[in-house]
Amino acid sequence: MLKISKLTDYGLLAAVYLAKRQGEVVAAREIAEFYSLPAPMIAKVLKVLQHEGNLISSHRGVGGGYSFDGDTEQVTLGDLIAVFEGPWDLVECETTDPEGHAVCGIRSQCPSRTFMFGINRAIKGAFDQISLGDLMRGVDPGVWAVTGSKIATASRQAEGMQ
């Protein structure tokens, strides 16, 4: 089932922390201590955010660390997940090789492909509607209503319980 890795989870935490301190240079150790996480793992996710995602800047020397200087509304949860997980799809029929060809050999005959395509797009679309700004504010942008009535109903019921 769809599950993000621990590396991605920690990367999201680090990105949110830096976004909340936008423009400030923050040491990896500070982020690790704040979340009570291993410093080497936070250092690793920060390097991924810098090198793979080009989302943060590194600063060397005394007082060095990392900073987020971008627009928190332009970076999405989908962007952040892709930095750590790479391209992903729920089912193989939606996955393509580097040349853009479908990986699945029975794609054209698959009876569930149409449904899985829609589910795959809905989930990815929901991730792409949640900005880093939403994550740092803890705001639900209301994307669940676009993914289907059962999910929208469950979301409304959960909101009523709070």
C-alpha atoms as a PDB file:
ATOM      1  CA  MET A   1       0.000   0.000   0.000  1.00  0.00           C
ATOM      2  CA  LEU A   2       1.010   3.590  -0.431  1.00  0.00           C
ATOM      3  CA  LYS A   3       3.299   4.581   2.405  1.00  0.00           C
ATOM      4  CA  ILE A   4       5.955   7.257   2.450  1.00  0.00           C
ATOM      5  CA  SER A   5       9.394   6.307   3.713  1.00  0.00           C
ATOM      6  CA  LYS A   6      10.882   7.486   6.974  1.00  0.00           C
ATOM      7  CA  LEU A   7      13.341   9.555   4.935  1.00  0.00           C
ATOM      8  CA  THR A   8      10.425  11.342   3.236  1.00  0.00           C
ATOM      9  CA  ASP A   9       8.623  11.836   6.535  1.00  0.00           C
ATOM     10  CA  TYR A  10      11.719  13.414   8.096  1.00  0.00           C
ATOM     11  CA  GLY A  11      12.270  15.460   4.949  1.00  0.00           C
ATOM     12  CA  LEU A  12       8.765  16.906   5.222  1.00  0.00           C
ATOM     13  CA  LEU A  13       9.414  17.825   8.868  1.00  0.00           C
ATOM     14  CA  ALA A  14      12.715  19.507   7.972  1.00  0.00           C
ATOM     15  CA  ALA A  15      11.123  21.412   5.074  1.00  0.00           C
ATOM     16  CA  VAL A  16       8.307  22.672   7.314  1.00  0.00           C
ATOM     17  CA  TYR A  17      10.777  23.719  10.013  1.00  0.00           C
ATOM     18  CA  LEU A  18      12.872  25.690   7.526  1.00  0.00           C
ATOM     19  CA  ALA A  19       9.764  27.236   5.943  1.00  0.00           C
ATOM     20  CA  LYS A  20       8.629  28.472   9.351  1.00  0.00           C
ATOM     21  CA  ARG A  21      12.040  30.102   9.776  1.00  0.00           C
ATOM     22  CA  GLN A  22      12.117  31.388   6.191  1.00  0.00           C
ATOM     23  CA  GLY A  23      15.325  33.190   5.284  1.00  0.00           C
ATOM     24  CA  GLU A  24      17.100  32.183   8.495  1.00  0.00           C
ATOM     25  CA  VAL A  25      20.119  29.891   8.481  1.00  0.00           C
ATOM     26  CA  VAL A  26      19.350  26.857  10.640  1.00  0.00           C
ATOM     27  CA  ALA A  27      21.723  24.062  11.669  1.00  0.00           C
ATOM     28  CA  ALA A  28      20.708  20.447  11.046  1.00  0.00           C
ATOM     29  CA  ARG A  29      21.310  19.775  14.738  1.00  0.00           C
ATOM     30  CA  GLU A  30      18.660  22.364  15.695  1.00  0.00           C
ATOM     31  CA  ILE A  31      16.031  20.645  13.547  1.00  0.00           C
ATOM     32  CA  ALA A  32      17.023  17.216  14.876  1.00  0.00           C
ATOM     33  CA  GLU A  33      16.785  18.408  18.472  1.00  0.00           C
ATOM     34  CA  PHE A  34      13.425  20.110  17.885  1.00  0.00           C
ATOM     35  CA  TYR A  35      11.850  16.878  16.573  1.00  0.00           C
ATOM     36  CA  SER A  36      13.985  14.517  18.735  1.00  0.00           C
ATOM     37  CA  LEU A  37      15.312  12.807  15.604  1.00  0.00           C
ATOM     38  CA  PRO A  38      18.801  11.507  14.766  1.00  0.00           C
ATOM     39  CA  ALA A  39      21.024  14.362  13.551  1.00  0.00           C
ATOM     40  CA  PRO A  40      22.663  12.239  10.806  1.00  0.00           C
ATOM     41  CA  MET A  41      19.241  11.477   9.302  1.00  0.00           C
ATOM     42  CA  ILE A  42      18.246  15.155   9.330  1.00  0.00           C
ATOM     43  CA  ALA A  43      21.591  16.066   7.735  1.00  0.00           C
ATOM     44  CA  LYS A  44      20.859  13.472   5.040  1.00  0.00           C
ATOM     45  CA  VAL A  45      17.364  14.793   4.248  1.00  0.00           C
ATOM     46  CA  LEU A  46      18.643  18.359   4.128  1.00  0.00           C
ATOM     47  CA  LYS A  47      21.254  17.338   1.566  1.00  0.00           C
ATOM     48  CA  VAL A  48      18.529  15.670  -0.503  1.00  0.00           C
ATOM     49  CA  LEU A  49      16.346  18.796  -0.308  1.00  0.00           C
ATOM     50  CA  GLN A  50      19.322  20.855  -1.443  1.00  0.00           C
ATOM     51  CA  HIS A  51      20.855  18.637  -4.143  1.00  0.00           C
ATOM     52  CA  GLU A  52      17.889  16.695  -5.532  1.00  0.00           C
ATOM     53  CA  GLY A  53      15.141  19.225  -4.987  1.00  0.00           C
ATOM     54  CA  ASN A  54      17.001  22.528  -5.165  1.00  0.00           C
ATOM     55  CA  LEU A  55      14.493  23.654  -2.542  1.00  0.00           C
ATOM     56  CA  ILE A  56      16.878  24.885   0.135  1.00  0.00           C
ATOM     57  CA  SER A  57      20.262  26.584   0.280  1.00  0.00           C
ATOM     58  CA  SER A  58      23.269  25.509   2.295  1.00  0.00           C
ATOM     59  CA  HIS A  59      25.566  27.930   4.096  1.00  0.00           C
ATOM     60  CA  ARG A  60      29.088  26.892   5.066  1.00  0.00           C
ATOM     61  CA  GLY A  61      31.314  28.026   7.884  1.00  0.00           C
ATOM     62  CA  VAL A  62      30.702  29.245  11.396  1.00  0.00           C
ATOM     63  CA  GLY A  63      26.974  29.761  11.855  1.00  0.00           C
ATOM     64  CA  GLY A  64      26.330  27.714   8.735  1.00  0.00           C
ATOM     65  CA  GLY A  65      23.372  25.513   8.046  1.00  0.00           C
ATOM     66  CA  TYR A  66      20.416  25.515   5.696  1.00  0.00           C
ATOM     67  CA  SER A  67      17.739  28.007   4.709  1.00  0.00           C
ATOM     68  CA  PHE A  68      14.526  28.079   2.739  1.00  0.00           C
ATOM     69  CA  ASP A  69      14.249  31.263   0.709  1.00  0.00           C
ATOM     70  CA  GLY A  70      11.524  30.324  -1.752  1.00  0.00           C
ATOM     71  CA  ASP A  71       7.780  30.819  -1.937  1.00  0.00           C
ATOM     72  CA  THR A  72       6.049  28.374   0.399  1.00  0.00           C
ATOM     73  CA  GLU A  73       2.884  28.574  -1.704  1.00  0.00           C
ATOM     74  CA  GLN A  74       4.682  27.366  -4.857  1.00  0.00           C
ATOM     75  CA  VAL A  75       6.200  24.209  -3.335  1.00  0.00           C
ATOM     76  CA  THR A  76       3.669  21.411  -2.971  1.00  0.00           C
ATOM     77  CA  LEU A  77       3.476  18.246  -0.910  1.00  0.00           C
ATOM     78  CA  GLY A  78       3.645  16.419  -4.245  1.00  0.00           C
ATOM     79  CA  ASP A  79       6.918  18.190  -5.081  1.00  0.00           C
ATOM     80  CA  LEU A  80       8.411  17.259  -1.704  1.00  0.00           C
ATOM     81  CA  ILE A  81       7.351  13.619  -1.946  1.00  0.00           C
ATOM     82  CA  ALA A  82       8.787  13.383  -5.476  1.00  0.00           C
ATOM     83  CA  VAL A  83      12.146  14.715  -4.236  1.00  0.00           C
ATOM     84  CA  PHE A  84      12.488  11.806  -1.817  1.00  0.00           C
ATOM     85  CA  GLU A  85      10.466   9.039  -3.454  1.00  0.00           C
ATOM     86  CA  GLY A  86      11.115   9.854  -7.108  1.00  0.00           C
ATOM     87  CA  PRO A  87       8.363   9.418  -9.685  1.00  0.00           C
ATOM     88  CA  TRP A  88       5.664   7.132  -8.327  1.00  0.00           C
ATOM     89  CA  ASP A  89       2.327   5.668  -9.315  1.00  0.00           C
ATOM     90  CA  LEU A  90      -0.117   3.466  -7.438  1.00  0.00           C
ATOM     91  CA  VAL A  91      -0.160   0.833 -10.157  1.00  0.00           C
ATOM     92  CA  GLU A  92       2.368  -0.272 -12.726  1.00  0.00           C
ATOM     93  CA  CYS A  93       0.085   0.559 -15.670  1.00  0.00           C
ATOM     94  CA  GLU A  94       0.609   4.253 -14.947  1.00  0.00           C
ATOM     95  CA  THR A  95       4.393   3.950 -14.741  1.00  0.00           C
ATOM     96  CA  THR A  96       6.508   4.742 -17.783  1.00  0.00           C
ATOM     97  CA  ASP A  97      10.146   4.091 -18.580  1.00  0.00           C
ATOM     98  CA  PRO A  98      12.623   6.935 -19.296  1.00  0.00           C
ATOM     99  CA  GLU A  99      11.497   6.995 -22.947  1.00  0.00           C
ATOM    100  CA  GLY A 100       7.845   7.462 -21.931  1.00  0.00           C
ATOM    101  CA  HIS A 101       6.646   3.931 -22.788  1.00  0.00           C
ATOM    102  CA  ALA A 102       4.263   2.076 -20.489  1.00  0.00           C
ATOM    103  CA  VAL A 103       5.958  -0.485 -18.256  1.00  0.00           C
ATOM    104  CA  CYS A 104       2.920  -2.771 -17.945  1.00  0.00           C
ATOM    105  CA  GLY A 105       2.609  -5.388 -20.682  1.00  0.00           C
ATOM    106  CA  ILE A 106      -1.156  -5.920 -20.328  1.00  0.00           C
ATOM    107  CA  ARG A 107      -2.100  -2.260 -20.016  1.00  0.00           C
ATOM    108  CA  SER A 108      -4.412  -2.154 -23.043  1.00  0.00           C
ATOM    109  CA  GLN A 109      -6.415  -5.236 -21.918  1.00  0.00           C
ATOM    110  CA  CYS A 110      -6.646  -4.381 -18.195  1.00  0.00           C
ATOM    111  CA  PRO A 111     -10.252  -3.976 -16.987  1.00  0.00           C
ATOM    112  CA  SER A 112      -9.271  -1.925 -13.917  1.00  0.00           C
ATOM    113  CA  ARG A 113      -6.916   0.486 -15.687  1.00  0.00           C
ATOM    114  CA  THR A 114      -9.513   3.233 -16.178  1.00  0.00           C
ATOM    115  CA  PHE A 115     -10.468   3.171 -12.512  1.00  0.00           C
ATOM    116  CA  MET A 116      -6.898   2.970 -11.264  1.00  0.00           C
ATOM    117  CA  PHE A 117      -5.905   5.832 -13.573  1.00  0.00           C
ATOM    118  CA  GLY A 118      -8.564   8.039 -11.990  1.00  0.00           C
ATOM    119  CA  ILE A 119      -7.603   7.062  -8.444  1.00  0.00           C
ATOM    120  CA  ASN A 120      -3.916   7.592  -9.186  1.00  0.00           C
ATOM    121  CA  ARG A 121      -4.587  11.065 -10.622  1.00  0.00           C
ATOM    122  CA  ALA A 122      -6.893  12.018  -7.729  1.00  0.00           C
ATOM    123  CA  ILE A 123      -4.284  11.125  -5.108  1.00  0.00           C
ATOM    124  CA  LYS A 124      -1.473  12.871  -6.949  1.00  0.00           C
ATOM    125  CA  GLY A 125      -3.741  15.852  -7.539  1.00  0.00           C
ATOM    126  CA  ALA A 126      -4.537  16.079  -3.830  1.00  0.00           C
ATOM    127  CA  PHE A 127      -0.815  16.070  -2.980  1.00  0.00           C
ATOM    128  CA  ASP A 128      -0.226  18.796  -5.546  1.00  0.00           C
ATOM    129  CA  GLN A 129      -2.918  21.024  -4.036  1.00  0.00           C
ATOM    130  CA  ILE A 130      -1.313  21.102  -0.593  1.00  0.00           C
ATOM    131  CA  SER A 131       1.424  23.725  -0.419  1.00  0.00           C
ATOM    132  CA  LEU A 132       4.385  23.881   1.923  1.00  0.00           C
ATOM    133  CA  GLY A 133       2.641  26.968   3.316  1.00  0.00           C
ATOM    134  CA  ASP A 134      -0.428  24.841   4.115  1.00  0.00           C
ATOM    135  CA  LEU A 135       1.790  22.283   5.853  1.00  0.00           C
ATOM    136  CA  MET A 136       3.567  24.881   7.967  1.00  0.00           C
ATOM    137  CA  ARG A 137       0.263  26.505   8.967  1.00  0.00           C
ATOM    138  CA  GLY A 138      -1.408  23.144   9.581  1.00  0.00           C
ATOM    139  CA  VAL A 139      -4.219  24.183   7.237  1.00  0.00           C
ATOM    140  CA  ASP A 140      -6.440  21.764   5.329  1.00  0.00           C
ATOM    141  CA  PRO A 141      -6.938  23.450   1.935  1.00  0.00           C
ATOM    142  CA  GLY A 142     -10.120  21.419   1.365  1.00  0.00           C
ATOM    143  CA  VAL A 143      -8.725  19.230  -1.421  1.00  0.00           C
ATOM    144  CA  TRP A 144     -10.567  16.114  -0.309  1.00  0.00           C
ATOM    145  CA  ALA A 145     -13.862  17.243  -1.816  1.00  0.00           C
ATOM    146  CA  VAL A 146     -12.418  16.917  -5.333  1.00  0.00           C
ATOM    147  CA  THR A 147     -11.372  13.283  -4.927  1.00  0.00           C
ATOM    148  CA  GLY A 148     -14.777  11.686  -4.497  1.00  0.00           C
ATOM    149  CA  SER A 149     -17.961  11.792  -2.504  1.00  0.00           C
ATOM    150  CA  LYS A 150     -17.023   9.058  -0.004  1.00  0.00           C
ATOM    151  CA  ILE A 151     -13.762  10.809   0.860  1.00  0.00           C
ATOM    152  CA  ALA A 152     -15.481  14.203   1.014  1.00  0.00           C
ATOM    153  CA  THR A 153     -18.200  12.793   3.270  1.00  0.00           C
ATOM    154  CA  ALA A 154     -15.629  11.193   5.578  1.00  0.00           C
ATOM    155  CA  SER A 155     -13.695  14.450   5.731  1.00  0.00           C
ATOM    156  CA  ARG A 156     -16.829  16.454   6.614  1.00  0.00           C
ATOM    157  CA  GLN A 157     -17.757  13.899   9.285  1.00  0.00           C
ATOM    158  CA  ALA A 158     -14.260  14.082  10.783  1.00  0.00           C
ATOM    159  CA  GLU A 159     -14.421  17.904  10.855  1.00  0.00           C
ATOM    160  CA  GLY A 160     -17.755  17.720  12.716  1.00  0.00           C
ATOM    161  CA  MET A 161     -16.144  15.555  15.412  1.00  0.00           C
ATOM    162  CA  GLN A 162     -13.481  18.119  16.252  1.00  0.00           C
END
